[in-house]
């Protein structure tokens, strides 16, 4: 069986379509904002890995107010960075530490969702 060579343009097109359809983000926004950002970050990671010759984690923090798109940005970067680097990219979100809406309603805390 021969290896199939994936053309870079086709590969990028597939990645952009996956991001756009799963995260409901316009492709032009991904190309204008997230693609250059992910390339800058991946180049920085590659430089650090070459100099240090190790598998030291590279941590990116994303902050902001409630419902501004932090999770969306993190998911876009996760897909793009994995595409460029082929290294494991993990997300650790505060969403994992919050109650679901169902529990918030039951505990009568839904009005305070997202606030301390």
PDB file of N, CA and C in Angstrom:
ATOM      1  N   UNK A   1       0.848  -1.182   0.000  1.00  0.00           N
ATOM      2  CA  UNK A   1       0.000   0.000   0.000  1.00  0.00           C
ATOM      3  C   UNK A   1       0.894   1.246   0.000  1.00  0.00           C
ATOM      4  N   UNK A   2       0.630   2.141  -0.907  1.00  0.00           N
ATOM      5  CA  UNK A   2       1.444   3.353  -0.982  1.00  0.00           C
ATOM      6  C   UNK A   2       0.880   4.430  -0.074  1.00  0.00           C
ATOM      7  N   UNK A   3       1.769   5.265   0.424  1.00  0.00           N
ATOM      8  CA  UNK A   3       1.344   6.376   1.284  1.00  0.00           C
ATOM      9  C   UNK A   3       0.687   7.449   0.428  1.00  0.00           C
ATOM     10  N   UNK A   4      -0.388   7.962   0.930  1.00  0.00           N
ATOM     11  CA  UNK A   4      -1.058   9.050   0.233  1.00  0.00           C
ATOM     12  C   UNK A   4      -0.507  10.369   0.757  1.00  0.00           C
ATOM     13  N   UNK A   5      -0.069  11.211  -0.135  1.00  0.00           N
ATOM     14  CA  UNK A   5       0.461  12.516   0.254  1.00  0.00           C
ATOM     15  C   UNK A   5      -0.697  13.502   0.289  1.00  0.00           C
ATOM     16  N   UNK A   6      -0.853  14.142   1.431  1.00  0.00           N
ATOM     17  CA  UNK A   6      -1.918  15.134   1.584  1.00  0.00           C
ATOM     18  C   UNK A   6      -1.346  16.499   1.248  1.00  0.00           C
ATOM     19  N   UNK A   7      -1.965  17.159   0.305  1.00  0.00           N
ATOM     20  CA  UNK A   7      -1.510  18.492  -0.087  1.00  0.00           C
ATOM     21  C   UNK A   7      -1.838  19.485   1.025  1.00  0.00           C
ATOM     22  N   UNK A   8      -0.897  20.388   1.335  1.00  0.00           N
ATOM     23  CA  UNK A   8      -1.113  21.349   2.426  1.00  0.00           C
ATOM     24  C   UNK A   8      -2.393  22.169   2.302  1.00  0.00           C
ATOM     25  N   UNK A   9      -2.719  22.625   1.088  1.00  0.00           N
ATOM     26  CA  UNK A   9      -3.925  23.441   0.924  1.00  0.00           C
ATOM     27  C   UNK A   9      -5.173  22.631   1.256  1.00  0.00           C
ATOM     28  N   UNK A  10      -5.212  21.381   0.813  1.00  0.00           N
ATOM     29  CA  UNK A  10      -6.362  20.518   1.089  1.00  0.00           C
ATOM     30  C   UNK A  10      -6.466  20.252   2.584  1.00  0.00           C
ATOM     31  N   UNK A  11      -5.334  19.987   3.207  1.00  0.00           N
ATOM     32  CA  UNK A  11      -5.301  19.730   4.646  1.00  0.00           C
ATOM     33  C   UNK A  11      -5.831  20.941   5.412  1.00  0.00           C
ATOM     34  N   UNK A  12      -5.348  22.125   5.078  1.00  0.00           N
ATOM     35  CA  UNK A  12      -5.783  23.351   5.744  1.00  0.00           C
ATOM     36  C   UNK A  12      -7.274  23.581   5.512  1.00  0.00           C
ATOM     37  N   UNK A  13      -7.736  23.337   4.303  1.00  0.00           N
ATOM     38  CA  UNK A  13      -9.151  23.490   3.974  1.00  0.00           C
ATOM     39  C   UNK A  13     -10.005  22.579   4.853  1.00  0.00           C
ATOM     40  N   UNK A  14      -9.579  21.334   5.030  1.00  0.00           N
ATOM     41  CA  UNK A  14     -10.317  20.378   5.860  1.00  0.00           C
ATOM     42  C   UNK A  14     -10.344  20.847   7.326  1.00  0.00           C
ATOM     43  N   UNK A  15      -9.197  21.299   7.829  1.00  0.00           N
ATOM     44  CA  UNK A  15      -9.118  21.765   9.218  1.00  0.00           C
ATOM     45  C   UNK A  15     -10.027  22.975   9.427  1.00  0.00           C
ATOM     46  N   UNK A  16      -9.985  23.925   8.509  1.00  0.00           N
ATOM     47  CA  UNK A  16     -10.821  25.127   8.631  1.00  0.00           C
ATOM     48  C   UNK A  16     -12.307  24.768   8.600  1.00  0.00           C
ATOM     49  N   UNK A  17     -12.676  23.830   7.746  1.00  0.00           N
ATOM     50  CA  UNK A  17     -14.078  23.414   7.680  1.00  0.00           C
ATOM     51  C   UNK A  17     -14.523  22.703   8.955  1.00  0.00           C
ATOM     52  N   UNK A  18     -13.654  21.905   9.533  1.00  0.00           N
ATOM     53  CA  UNK A  18     -13.983  21.234  10.794  1.00  0.00           C
ATOM     54  C   UNK A  18     -14.232  22.265  11.889  1.00  0.00           C
ATOM     55  N   UNK A  19     -13.320  23.229  12.000  1.00  0.00           N
ATOM     56  CA  UNK A  19     -13.468  24.269  13.023  1.00  0.00           C
ATOM     57  C   UNK A  19     -14.746  25.071  12.790  1.00  0.00           C
ATOM     58  N   UNK A  20     -14.953  25.491  11.564  1.00  0.00           N
ATOM     59  CA  UNK A  20     -16.108  26.323  11.235  1.00  0.00           C
ATOM     60  C   UNK A  20     -17.420  25.607  11.530  1.00  0.00           C
ATOM     61  N   UNK A  21     -17.510  24.346  11.144  1.00  0.00           N
ATOM     62  CA  UNK A  21     -18.780  23.630  11.322  1.00  0.00           C
ATOM     63  C   UNK A  21     -19.016  23.201  12.767  1.00  0.00           C
ATOM     64  N   UNK A  22     -17.977  22.803  13.481  1.00  0.00           N
ATOM     65  CA  UNK A  22     -18.190  22.327  14.851  1.00  0.00           C
ATOM     66  C   UNK A  22     -18.302  23.464  15.866  1.00  0.00           C
ATOM     67  N   UNK A  23     -17.601  24.553  15.638  1.00  0.00           N
ATOM     68  CA  UNK A  23     -17.591  25.646  16.618  1.00  0.00           C
ATOM     69  C   UNK A  23     -18.379  26.872  16.162  1.00  0.00           C
ATOM     70  N   UNK A  24     -18.988  26.782  14.985  1.00  0.00           N
ATOM     71  CA  UNK A  24     -19.818  27.866  14.457  1.00  0.00           C
ATOM     72  C   UNK A  24     -19.055  29.196  14.368  1.00  0.00           C
ATOM     73  N   UNK A  25     -17.885  29.130  13.734  1.00  0.00           N
ATOM     74  CA  UNK A  25     -17.047  30.317  13.539  1.00  0.00           C
ATOM     75  C   UNK A  25     -16.821  30.469  12.037  1.00  0.00           C
ATOM     76  N   UNK A  26     -16.880  31.695  11.560  1.00  0.00           N
ATOM     77  CA  UNK A  26     -16.690  31.939  10.126  1.00  0.00           C
ATOM     78  C   UNK A  26     -15.248  31.644   9.718  1.00  0.00           C
ATOM     79  N   UNK A  27     -15.088  31.021   8.557  1.00  0.00           N
ATOM     80  CA  UNK A  27     -13.760  30.672   8.055  1.00  0.00           C
ATOM     81  C   UNK A  27     -12.894  31.924   7.892  1.00  0.00           C
ATOM     82  N   UNK A  28     -13.490  33.032   7.429  1.00  0.00           N
ATOM     83  CA  UNK A  28     -12.695  34.256   7.241  1.00  0.00           C
ATOM     84  C   UNK A  28     -12.135  34.752   8.581  1.00  0.00           C
ATOM     85  N   UNK A  29     -12.892  34.570   9.678  1.00  0.00           N
ATOM     86  CA  UNK A  29     -12.397  34.960  11.005  1.00  0.00           C
ATOM     87  C   UNK A  29     -11.265  34.049  11.460  1.00  0.00           C
ATOM     88  N   UNK A  30     -11.396  32.774  11.161  1.00  0.00           N
ATOM     89  CA  UNK A  30     -10.332  31.820  11.514  1.00  0.00           C
ATOM     90  C   UNK A  30      -9.048  32.186  10.775  1.00  0.00           C
ATOM     91  N   UNK A  31      -9.165  32.480   9.489  1.00  0.00           N
ATOM     92  CA  UNK A  31      -7.996  32.817   8.666  1.00  0.00           C
ATOM     93  C   UNK A  31      -7.379  34.138   9.114  1.00  0.00           C
ATOM     94  N   UNK A  32      -8.213  35.117   9.431  1.00  0.00           N
ATOM     95  CA  UNK A  32      -7.715  36.451   9.784  1.00  0.00           C
ATOM     96  C   UNK A  32      -7.111  36.515  11.187  1.00  0.00           C
ATOM     97  N   UNK A  33      -7.709  35.810  12.153  1.00  0.00           N
ATOM     98  CA  UNK A  33      -7.303  35.957  13.552  1.00  0.00           C
ATOM     99  C   UNK A  33      -6.578  34.724  14.087  1.00  0.00           C
ATOM    100  N   UNK A  34      -7.252  33.589  14.031  1.00  0.00           N
ATOM    101  CA  UNK A  34      -6.766  32.400  14.739  1.00  0.00           C
ATOM    102  C   UNK A  34      -5.619  31.685  14.026  1.00  0.00           C
ATOM    103  N   UNK A  35      -5.619  31.687  12.719  1.00  0.00           N
ATOM    104  CA  UNK A  35      -4.553  31.026  11.971  1.00  0.00           C
ATOM    105  C   UNK A  35      -3.194  31.681  12.227  1.00  0.00           C
ATOM    106  N   UNK A  36      -3.074  33.012  12.087  1.00  0.00           N
ATOM    107  CA  UNK A  36      -1.784  33.646  12.398  1.00  0.00           C
ATOM    108  C   UNK A  36      -1.365  33.464  13.863  1.00  0.00           C
ATOM    109  N   UNK A  37      -2.328  33.544  14.771  1.00  0.00           N
ATOM    110  CA  UNK A  37      -2.034  33.365  16.191  1.00  0.00           C
ATOM    111  C   UNK A  37      -1.506  31.953  16.452  1.00  0.00           C
ATOM    112  N   UNK A  38      -2.159  30.956  15.875  1.00  0.00           N
ATOM    113  CA  UNK A  38      -1.731  29.569  16.088  1.00  0.00           C
ATOM    114  C   UNK A  38      -0.357  29.301  15.473  1.00  0.00           C
ATOM    115  N   UNK A  39      -0.076  29.913  14.339  1.00  0.00           N
ATOM    116  CA  UNK A  39       1.255  29.752  13.722  1.00  0.00           C
ATOM    117  C   UNK A  39       2.341  30.387  14.580  1.00  0.00           C
ATOM    118  N   UNK A  40       2.047  31.570  15.132  1.00  0.00           N
ATOM    119  CA  UNK A  40       3.012  32.241  16.001  1.00  0.00           C
ATOM    120  C   UNK A  40       3.295  31.385  17.244  1.00  0.00           C
ATOM    121  N   UNK A  41       2.239  30.868  17.850  1.00  0.00           N
ATOM    122  CA  UNK A  41       2.403  30.035  19.045  1.00  0.00           C
ATOM    123  C   UNK A  41       3.150  28.750  18.713  1.00  0.00           C
ATOM    124  N   UNK A  42       2.780  28.085  17.615  1.00  0.00           N
ATOM    125  CA  UNK A  42       3.438  26.817  17.266  1.00  0.00           C
ATOM    126  C   UNK A  42       4.919  27.033  16.948  1.00  0.00           C
ATOM    127  N   UNK A  43       5.255  28.133  16.292  1.00  0.00           N
ATOM    128  CA  UNK A  43       6.673  28.434  16.022  1.00  0.00           C
ATOM    129  C   UNK A  43       7.439  28.667  17.323  1.00  0.00           C
ATOM    130  N   UNK A  44       6.809  29.345  18.264  1.00  0.00           N
ATOM    131  CA  UNK A  44       7.426  29.579  19.567  1.00  0.00           C
ATOM    132  C   UNK A  44       7.647  28.261  20.307  1.00  0.00           C
ATOM    133  N   UNK A  45       6.652  27.387  20.258  1.00  0.00           N
ATOM    134  CA  UNK A  45       6.768  26.076  20.911  1.00  0.00           C
ATOM    135  C   UNK A  45       7.900  25.262  20.275  1.00  0.00           C
ATOM    136  N   UNK A  46       7.961  25.265  18.953  1.00  0.00           N
ATOM    137  CA  UNK A  46       9.009  24.504  18.248  1.00  0.00           C
ATOM    138  C   UNK A  46      10.398  25.003  18.643  1.00  0.00           C
ATOM    139  N   UNK A  47      10.558  26.325  18.737  1.00  0.00           N
ATOM    140  CA  UNK A  47      11.853  26.890  19.139  1.00  0.00           C
ATOM    141  C   UNK A  47      12.228  26.430  20.538  1.00  0.00           C
ATOM    142  N   UNK A  48      11.272  26.506  21.457  1.00  0.00           N
ATOM    143  CA  UNK A  48      11.551  26.093  22.839  1.00  0.00           C
ATOM    144  C   UNK A  48      11.903  24.615  22.918  1.00  0.00           C
ATOM    145  N   UNK A  49      11.195  23.779  22.172  1.00  0.00           N
ATOM    146  CA  UNK A  49      11.474  22.346  22.203  1.00  0.00           C
ATOM    147  C   UNK A  49      12.843  22.038  21.611  1.00  0.00           C
ATOM    148  N   UNK A  50      13.243  22.781  20.578  1.00  0.00           N
ATOM    149  CA  UNK A  50      14.557  22.565  19.960  1.00  0.00           C
ATOM    150  C   UNK A  50      15.679  22.967  20.910  1.00  0.00           C
ATOM    151  N   UNK A  51      15.514  24.103  21.584  1.00  0.00           N
ATOM    152  CA  UNK A  51      16.551  24.573  22.495  1.00  0.00           C
ATOM    153  C   UNK A  51      16.662  23.693  23.731  1.00  0.00           C
ATOM    154  N   UNK A  52      15.522  23.277  24.247  1.00  0.00           N
ATOM    155  CA  UNK A  52      15.531  22.517  25.490  1.00  0.00           C
ATOM    156  C   UNK A  52      15.610  21.012  25.267  1.00  0.00           C
ATOM    157  N   UNK A  53      15.318  20.565  24.035  1.00  0.00           N
ATOM    158  CA  UNK A  53      15.374  19.154  23.683  1.00  0.00           C
ATOM    159  C   UNK A  53      14.629  18.292  24.708  1.00  0.00           C
ATOM    160  N   UNK A  54      13.422  18.724  25.060  1.00  0.00           N
ATOM    161  CA  UNK A  54      12.645  17.989  26.052  1.00  0.00           C
ATOM    162  C   UNK A  54      11.156  18.128  25.760  1.00  0.00           C
ATOM    163  N   UNK A  55      10.370  17.502  26.596  1.00  0.00           N
ATOM    164  CA  UNK A  55       8.915  17.545  26.463  1.00  0.00           C
ATOM    165  C   UNK A  55       8.279  18.372  27.579  1.00  0.00           C
ATOM    166  N   UNK A  56       8.845  19.520  27.872  1.00  0.00           N
ATOM    167  CA  UNK A  56       8.304  20.405  28.909  1.00  0.00           C
ATOM    168  C   UNK A  56       6.968  20.978  28.418  1.00  0.00           C
ATOM    169  N   UNK A  57       5.939  20.956  29.267  1.00  0.00           N
ATOM    170  CA  UNK A  57       4.638  21.488  28.838  1.00  0.00           C
ATOM    171  C   UNK A  57       4.719  22.980  28.509  1.00  0.00           C
ATOM    172  N   UNK A  58       3.947  23.380  27.551  1.00  0.00           N
ATOM    173  CA  UNK A  58       3.819  24.773  27.156  1.00  0.00           C
ATOM    174  C   UNK A  58       2.401  25.170  27.537  1.00  0.00           C
ATOM    175  N   UNK A  59       2.251  26.115  28.432  1.00  0.00           N
ATOM    176  CA  UNK A  59       0.945  26.460  28.975  1.00  0.00           C
ATOM    177  C   UNK A  59       0.496  27.818  28.442  1.00  0.00           C
ATOM    178  N   UNK A  60      -0.738  27.862  27.959  1.00  0.00           N
ATOM    179  CA  UNK A  60      -1.336  29.094  27.455  1.00  0.00           C
ATOM    180  C   UNK A  60      -2.550  29.391  28.321  1.00  0.00           C
ATOM    181  N   UNK A  61      -2.618  30.584  28.885  1.00  0.00           N
ATOM    182  CA  UNK A  61      -3.770  30.981  29.702  1.00  0.00           C
ATOM    183  C   UNK A  61      -4.662  31.933  28.931  1.00  0.00           C
ATOM    184  N   UNK A  62      -5.941  31.701  28.989  1.00  0.00           N
ATOM    185  CA  UNK A  62      -6.915  32.580  28.327  1.00  0.00           C
ATOM    186  C   UNK A  62      -7.875  33.074  29.397  1.00  0.00           C
ATOM    187  N   UNK A  63      -7.966  34.391  29.544  1.00  0.00           N
ATOM    188  CA  UNK A  63      -8.844  34.960  30.567  1.00  0.00           C
ATOM    189  C   UNK A  63      -9.876  35.877  29.930  1.00  0.00           C
ATOM    190  N   UNK A  64     -10.899  36.191  30.684  1.00  0.00           N
ATOM    191  CA  UNK A  64     -11.922  37.102  30.195  1.00  0.00           C
ATOM    192  C   UNK A  64     -13.197  36.955  30.993  1.00  0.00           C
ATOM    193  N   UNK A  65     -14.141  37.801  30.698  1.00  0.00           N
ATOM    194  CA  UNK A  65     -15.426  37.793  31.402  1.00  0.00           C
ATOM    195  C   UNK A  65     -16.250  36.575  31.014  1.00  0.00           C
ATOM    196  N   UNK A  66     -17.391  36.464  31.642  1.00  0.00           N
ATOM    197  CA  UNK A  66     -18.315  35.372  31.385  1.00  0.00           C
ATOM    198  C   UNK A  66     -18.852  35.473  29.958  1.00  0.00           C
ATOM    199  N   UNK A  67     -18.892  34.343  29.262  1.00  0.00           N
ATOM    200  CA  UNK A  67     -19.523  34.211  27.936  1.00  0.00           C
ATOM    201  C   UNK A  67     -18.931  35.130  26.864  1.00  0.00           C
ATOM    202  N   UNK A  68     -17.601  35.301  26.868  1.00  0.00           N
ATOM    203  CA  UNK A  68     -16.971  36.122  25.833  1.00  0.00           C
ATOM    204  C   UNK A  68     -16.291  35.284  24.752  1.00  0.00           C
ATOM    205  N   UNK A  69     -16.258  33.961  24.940  1.00  0.00           N
ATOM    206  CA  UNK A  69     -15.690  33.096  23.924  1.00  0.00           C
ATOM    207  C   UNK A  69     -14.366  32.444  24.282  1.00  0.00           C
ATOM    208  N   UNK A  70     -14.046  32.397  25.560  1.00  0.00           N
ATOM    209  CA  UNK A  70     -12.773  31.786  25.981  1.00  0.00           C
ATOM    210  C   UNK A  70     -12.692  30.321  25.558  1.00  0.00           C
ATOM    211  N   UNK A  71     -13.755  29.580  25.773  1.00  0.00           N
ATOM    212  CA  UNK A  71     -13.765  28.159  25.416  1.00  0.00           C
ATOM    213  C   UNK A  71     -13.688  27.978  23.904  1.00  0.00           C
ATOM    214  N   UNK A  72     -14.353  28.841  23.163  1.00  0.00           N
ATOM    215  CA  UNK A  72     -14.306  28.757  21.700  1.00  0.00           C
ATOM    216  C   UNK A  72     -12.889  29.006  21.200  1.00  0.00           C
ATOM    217  N   UNK A  73     -12.247  30.032  21.717  1.00  0.00           N
ATOM    218  CA  UNK A  73     -10.864  30.332  21.329  1.00  0.00           C
ATOM    219  C   UNK A  73      -9.956  29.164  21.694  1.00  0.00           C
ATOM    220  N   UNK A  74     -10.129  28.629  22.882  1.00  0.00           N
ATOM    221  CA  UNK A  74      -9.293  27.506  23.323  1.00  0.00           C
ATOM    222  C   UNK A  74      -9.481  26.293  22.416  1.00  0.00           C
ATOM    223  N   UNK A  75     -10.715  26.007  22.037  1.00  0.00           N
ATOM    224  CA  UNK A  75     -10.967  24.864  21.159  1.00  0.00           C
ATOM    225  C   UNK A  75     -10.408  25.075  19.756  1.00  0.00           C
ATOM    226  N   UNK A  76     -10.500  26.291  19.241  1.00  0.00           N
ATOM    227  CA  UNK A  76      -9.923  26.589  17.924  1.00  0.00           C
ATOM    228  C   UNK A  76      -8.403  26.414  17.977  1.00  0.00           C
ATOM    229  N   UNK A  77      -7.786  26.980  19.000  1.00  0.00           N
ATOM    230  CA  UNK A  77      -6.332  26.850  19.137  1.00  0.00           C
ATOM    231  C   UNK A  77      -5.916  25.397  19.331  1.00  0.00           C
ATOM    232  N   UNK A  78      -6.709  24.643  20.051  1.00  0.00           N
ATOM    233  CA  UNK A  78      -6.394  23.223  20.256  1.00  0.00           C
ATOM    234  C   UNK A  78      -6.325  22.493  18.912  1.00  0.00           C
ATOM    235  N   UNK A  79      -7.317  22.707  18.078  1.00  0.00           N
ATOM    236  CA  UNK A  79      -7.352  22.040  16.767  1.00  0.00           C
ATOM    237  C   UNK A  79      -6.197  22.500  15.889  1.00  0.00           C
ATOM    238  N   UNK A  80      -5.991  23.816  15.816  1.00  0.00           N
ATOM    239  CA  UNK A  80      -4.930  24.338  14.949  1.00  0.00           C
ATOM    240  C   UNK A  80      -3.539  23.943  15.440  1.00  0.00           C
ATOM    241  N   UNK A  81      -3.299  24.048  16.744  1.00  0.00           N
ATOM    242  CA  UNK A  81      -1.974  23.702  17.276  1.00  0.00           C
ATOM    243  C   UNK A  81      -1.672  22.217  17.086  1.00  0.00           C
ATOM    244  N   UNK A  82      -2.676  21.382  17.286  1.00  0.00           N
ATOM    245  CA  UNK A  82      -2.448  19.958  17.042  1.00  0.00           C
ATOM    246  C   UNK A  82      -2.131  19.727  15.565  1.00  0.00           C
ATOM    247  N   UNK A  83      -2.811  20.466  14.692  1.00  0.00           N
ATOM    248  CA  UNK A  83      -2.573  20.332  13.247  1.00  0.00           C
ATOM    249  C   UNK A  83      -1.146  20.707  12.872  1.00  0.00           C
ATOM    250  N   UNK A  84      -0.606  21.765  13.502  1.00  0.00           N
ATOM    251  CA  UNK A  84       0.744  22.219  13.163  1.00  0.00           C
ATOM    252  C   UNK A  84       1.809  21.366  13.833  1.00  0.00           C
ATOM    253  N   UNK A  85       1.559  20.977  15.077  1.00  0.00           N
ATOM    254  CA  UNK A  85       2.613  20.368  15.890  1.00  0.00           C
ATOM    255  C   UNK A  85       2.542  18.844  15.990  1.00  0.00           C
ATOM    256  N   UNK A  86       1.350  18.293  15.866  1.00  0.00           N
ATOM    257  CA  UNK A  86       1.122  16.855  16.065  1.00  0.00           C
ATOM    258  C   UNK A  86       1.543  16.399  17.458  1.00  0.00           C
ATOM    259  N   UNK A  87       1.448  17.279  18.426  1.00  0.00           N
ATOM    260  CA  UNK A  87       1.669  16.945  19.830  1.00  0.00           C
ATOM    261  C   UNK A  87       0.317  16.969  20.527  1.00  0.00           C
ATOM    262  N   UNK A  88       0.253  16.337  21.651  1.00  0.00           N
ATOM    263  CA  UNK A  88      -0.976  16.353  22.447  1.00  0.00           C
ATOM    264  C   UNK A  88      -1.259  17.778  22.918  1.00  0.00           C
ATOM    265  N   UNK A  89      -2.489  18.203  22.757  1.00  0.00           N
ATOM    266  CA  UNK A  89      -2.923  19.516  23.224  1.00  0.00           C
ATOM    267  C   UNK A  89      -4.123  19.272  24.129  1.00  0.00           C
ATOM    268  N   UNK A  90      -4.018  19.681  25.369  1.00  0.00           N
ATOM    269  CA  UNK A  90      -5.074  19.435  26.347  1.00  0.00           C
ATOM    270  C   UNK A  90      -5.674  20.749  26.826  1.00  0.00           C
ATOM    271  N   UNK A  91      -6.972  20.717  27.103  1.00  0.00           N
ATOM    272  CA  UNK A  91      -7.652  21.879  27.665  1.00  0.00           C
ATOM    273  C   UNK A  91      -8.031  21.582  29.107  1.00  0.00           C
ATOM    274  N   UNK A  92      -7.752  22.537  29.968  1.00  0.00           N
ATOM    275  CA  UNK A  92      -8.201  22.461  31.353  1.00  0.00           C
ATOM    276  C   UNK A  92      -9.052  23.706  31.554  1.00  0.00           C
ATOM    277  N   UNK A  93     -10.346  23.511  31.633  1.00  0.00           N
ATOM    278  CA  UNK A  93     -11.253  24.654  31.685  1.00  0.00           C
ATOM    279  C   UNK A  93     -11.940  24.753  33.034  1.00  0.00           C
ATOM    280  N   UNK A  94     -12.376  25.952  33.355  1.00  0.00           N
ATOM    281  CA  UNK A  94     -13.140  26.125  34.586  1.00  0.00           C
ATOM    282  C   UNK A  94     -14.534  25.545  34.424  1.00  0.00           C
ATOM    283  N   UNK A  95     -14.974  25.340  33.175  1.00  0.00           N
ATOM    284  CA  UNK A  95     -16.284  24.724  32.942  1.00  0.00           C
ATOM    285  C   UNK A  95     -16.361  23.358  33.623  1.00  0.00           C
ATOM    286  N   UNK A  96     -15.221  22.686  33.727  1.00  0.00           N
ATOM    287  CA  UNK A  96     -15.185  21.365  34.353  1.00  0.00           C
ATOM    288  C   UNK A  96     -15.442  21.435  35.852  1.00  0.00           C
ATOM    289  N   UNK A  97     -15.307  22.612  36.428  1.00  0.00           N
ATOM    290  CA  UNK A  97     -15.456  22.761  37.869  1.00  0.00           C
ATOM    291  C   UNK A  97     -16.795  23.377  38.269  1.00  0.00           C
ATOM    292  N   UNK A  98     -17.632  23.674  37.300  1.00  0.00           N
ATOM    293  CA  UNK A  98     -18.901  24.336  37.573  1.00  0.00           C
ATOM    294  C   UNK A  98     -20.057  23.344  37.591  1.00  0.00           C
ATOM    295  N   UNK A  99     -21.109  23.688  38.283  1.00  0.00           N
ATOM    296  CA  UNK A  99     -22.314  22.883  38.266  1.00  0.00           C
ATOM    297  C   UNK A  99     -23.023  23.039  36.921  1.00  0.00           C
ATOM    298  N   UNK A 100     -23.754  22.016  36.516  1.00  0.00           N
ATOM    299  CA  UNK A 100     -24.576  22.120  35.309  1.00  0.00           C
ATOM    300  C   UNK A 100     -25.765  23.035  35.605  1.00  0.00           C
ATOM    301  N   UNK A 101     -26.426  23.512  34.546  1.00  0.00           N
ATOM    302  CA  UNK A 101     -27.600  24.382  34.732  1.00  0.00           C
ATOM    303  C   UNK A 101     -28.677  23.672  35.548  1.00  0.00           C
ATOM    304  N   UNK A 102     -28.828  22.378  35.328  1.00  0.00           N
ATOM    305  CA  UNK A 102     -29.840  21.596  36.052  1.00  0.00           C
ATOM    306  C   UNK A 102     -29.605  21.664  37.573  1.00  0.00           C
ATOM    307  N   UNK A 103     -28.359  21.494  37.985  1.00  0.00           N
ATOM    308  CA  UNK A 103     -28.024  21.548  39.414  1.00  0.00           C
ATOM    309  C   UNK A 103     -28.144  22.978  39.947  1.00  0.00           C
ATOM    310  N   UNK A 104     -27.719  23.953  39.135  1.00  0.00           N
ATOM    311  CA  UNK A 104     -27.847  25.359  39.562  1.00  0.00           C
ATOM    312  C   UNK A 104     -29.304  25.732  39.808  1.00  0.00           C
ATOM    313  N   UNK A 105     -30.192  25.268  38.937  1.00  0.00           N
ATOM    314  CA  UNK A 105     -31.626  25.542  39.104  1.00  0.00           C
ATOM    315  C   UNK A 105     -32.133  24.862  40.371  1.00  0.00           C
ATOM    316  N   UNK A 106     -31.751  23.601  40.541  1.00  0.00           N
ATOM    317  CA  UNK A 106     -32.185  22.836  41.712  1.00  0.00           C
ATOM    318  C   UNK A 106     -31.731  23.495  43.014  1.00  0.00           C
ATOM    319  N   UNK A 107     -30.505  24.032  43.028  1.00  0.00           N
ATOM    320  CA  UNK A 107     -29.963  24.671  44.231  1.00  0.00           C
ATOM    321  C   UNK A 107     -30.322  26.157  44.315  1.00  0.00           C
ATOM    322  N   UNK A 108     -31.114  26.613  43.342  1.00  0.00           N
ATOM    323  CA  UNK A 108     -31.543  28.012  43.265  1.00  0.00           C
ATOM    324  C   UNK A 108     -30.353  28.975  43.186  1.00  0.00           C
ATOM    325  N   UNK A 109     -29.392  28.598  42.357  1.00  0.00           N
ATOM    326  CA  UNK A 109     -28.180  29.418  42.169  1.00  0.00           C
ATOM    327  C   UNK A 109     -28.041  29.913  40.732  1.00  0.00           C
ATOM    328  N   UNK A 110     -29.020  29.638  39.894  1.00  0.00           N
ATOM    329  CA  UNK A 110     -28.894  29.965  38.463  1.00  0.00           C
ATOM    330  C   UNK A 110     -28.684  31.469  38.236  1.00  0.00           C
ATOM    331  N   UNK A 111     -29.212  32.318  39.112  1.00  0.00           N
ATOM    332  CA  UNK A 111     -29.043  33.770  38.935  1.00  0.00           C
ATOM    333  C   UNK A 111     -27.594  34.193  39.142  1.00  0.00           C
ATOM    334  N   UNK A 112     -26.824  33.375  39.847  1.00  0.00           N
ATOM    335  CA  UNK A 112     -25.431  33.705  40.140  1.00  0.00           C
ATOM    336  C   UNK A 112     -24.447  32.988  39.207  1.00  0.00           C
ATOM    337  N   UNK A 113     -24.969  32.337  38.187  1.00  0.00           N
ATOM    338  CA  UNK A 113     -24.102  31.577  37.282  1.00  0.00           C
ATOM    339  C   UNK A 113     -23.017  32.479  36.703  1.00  0.00           C
ATOM    340  N   UNK A 114     -21.775  32.015  36.831  1.00  0.00           N
ATOM    341  CA  UNK A 114     -20.648  32.754  36.287  1.00  0.00           C
ATOM    342  C   UNK A 114     -20.099  33.830  37.189  1.00  0.00           C
ATOM    343  N   UNK A 115     -20.700  34.013  38.340  1.00  0.00           N
ATOM    344  CA  UNK A 115     -20.235  35.051  39.269  1.00  0.00           C
ATOM    345  C   UNK A 115     -19.910  34.402  40.614  1.00  0.00           C
ATOM    346  N   UNK A 116     -18.929  34.937  41.323  1.00  0.00           N
ATOM    347  CA  UNK A 116     -18.573  34.349  42.636  1.00  0.00           C
ATOM    348  C   UNK A 116     -19.685  34.497  43.660  1.00  0.00           C
TER     349      UNK A 116
END
